[in-house]
Amino acid sequence: MIIRELRKEDSRDATRILILSFEKILVKLFRDLETIREKLFQYFSNNTSDCYVVEAERIIGFGSITINKKERIKINKFLRKEFGFINGTKLSMLLKFLCPIPKNKEATINFIAVSPLRRNQGIGSMLIERMLSEAKTRGCLKVKCLVPESNHQGICFLSKFGFSPEKVIENSFVEKYFGERKWYLEVLDLRRE
């Protein structure tokens, strides 16, 4: 297995992994899985920075981190353009909560997606290690990630890398779409590494 940066030609397989990992949420948000598949493919074909894949003959893991605030602005513009002002704004608001725009010298892990058939084989660890390494290299002091309170496996996974909960955030708007009202803001202080 190798880990590397996402390339344009990986976008179809990377989108497949994302859909497999977050299908329930995406169906609830968009209802039409084929449309969102094409929109995600379109987005990641043109925006590969700070995205990483794990490959073993084919793409089996996909992760994204936001280090540069400008990248988040691109996503918000894309959502509004592709989904219209109202739906695009709604999606931007959900994204703003789930993947907060990083402050100066901070980074936000957007997602880690692993093929369901390849879980528990260290692929998620490879992705997070690469993203943390990139954040350090680019001068970040903290890395943040939001995790639903009920996702004990995700919380334990992050704790292996030194993340700890900074606070609990409640959000009824997000609960409507994700079925989770309470979220842990997990933080890793890279200065302690």
Foldseek 3Di string as FASTA:
>chain_A
DDKDFDALVQLLVALVLVCQQCVLLCCLLPVDPVVVSVLSNVVCSPDGPQKMFDDDPHTFKIWGKDDDLVVLVVQLVSLCVSVNPPSSVLVNVLQCVQFPRDDPLEMETNDITGHPVCPPVCRSVVSVVVSVVVSVVVRHFKYKGKDFPPPPVVQVVVVVVPWDFPDKAADVSNCVRPVGGIITIIMHGPVVD
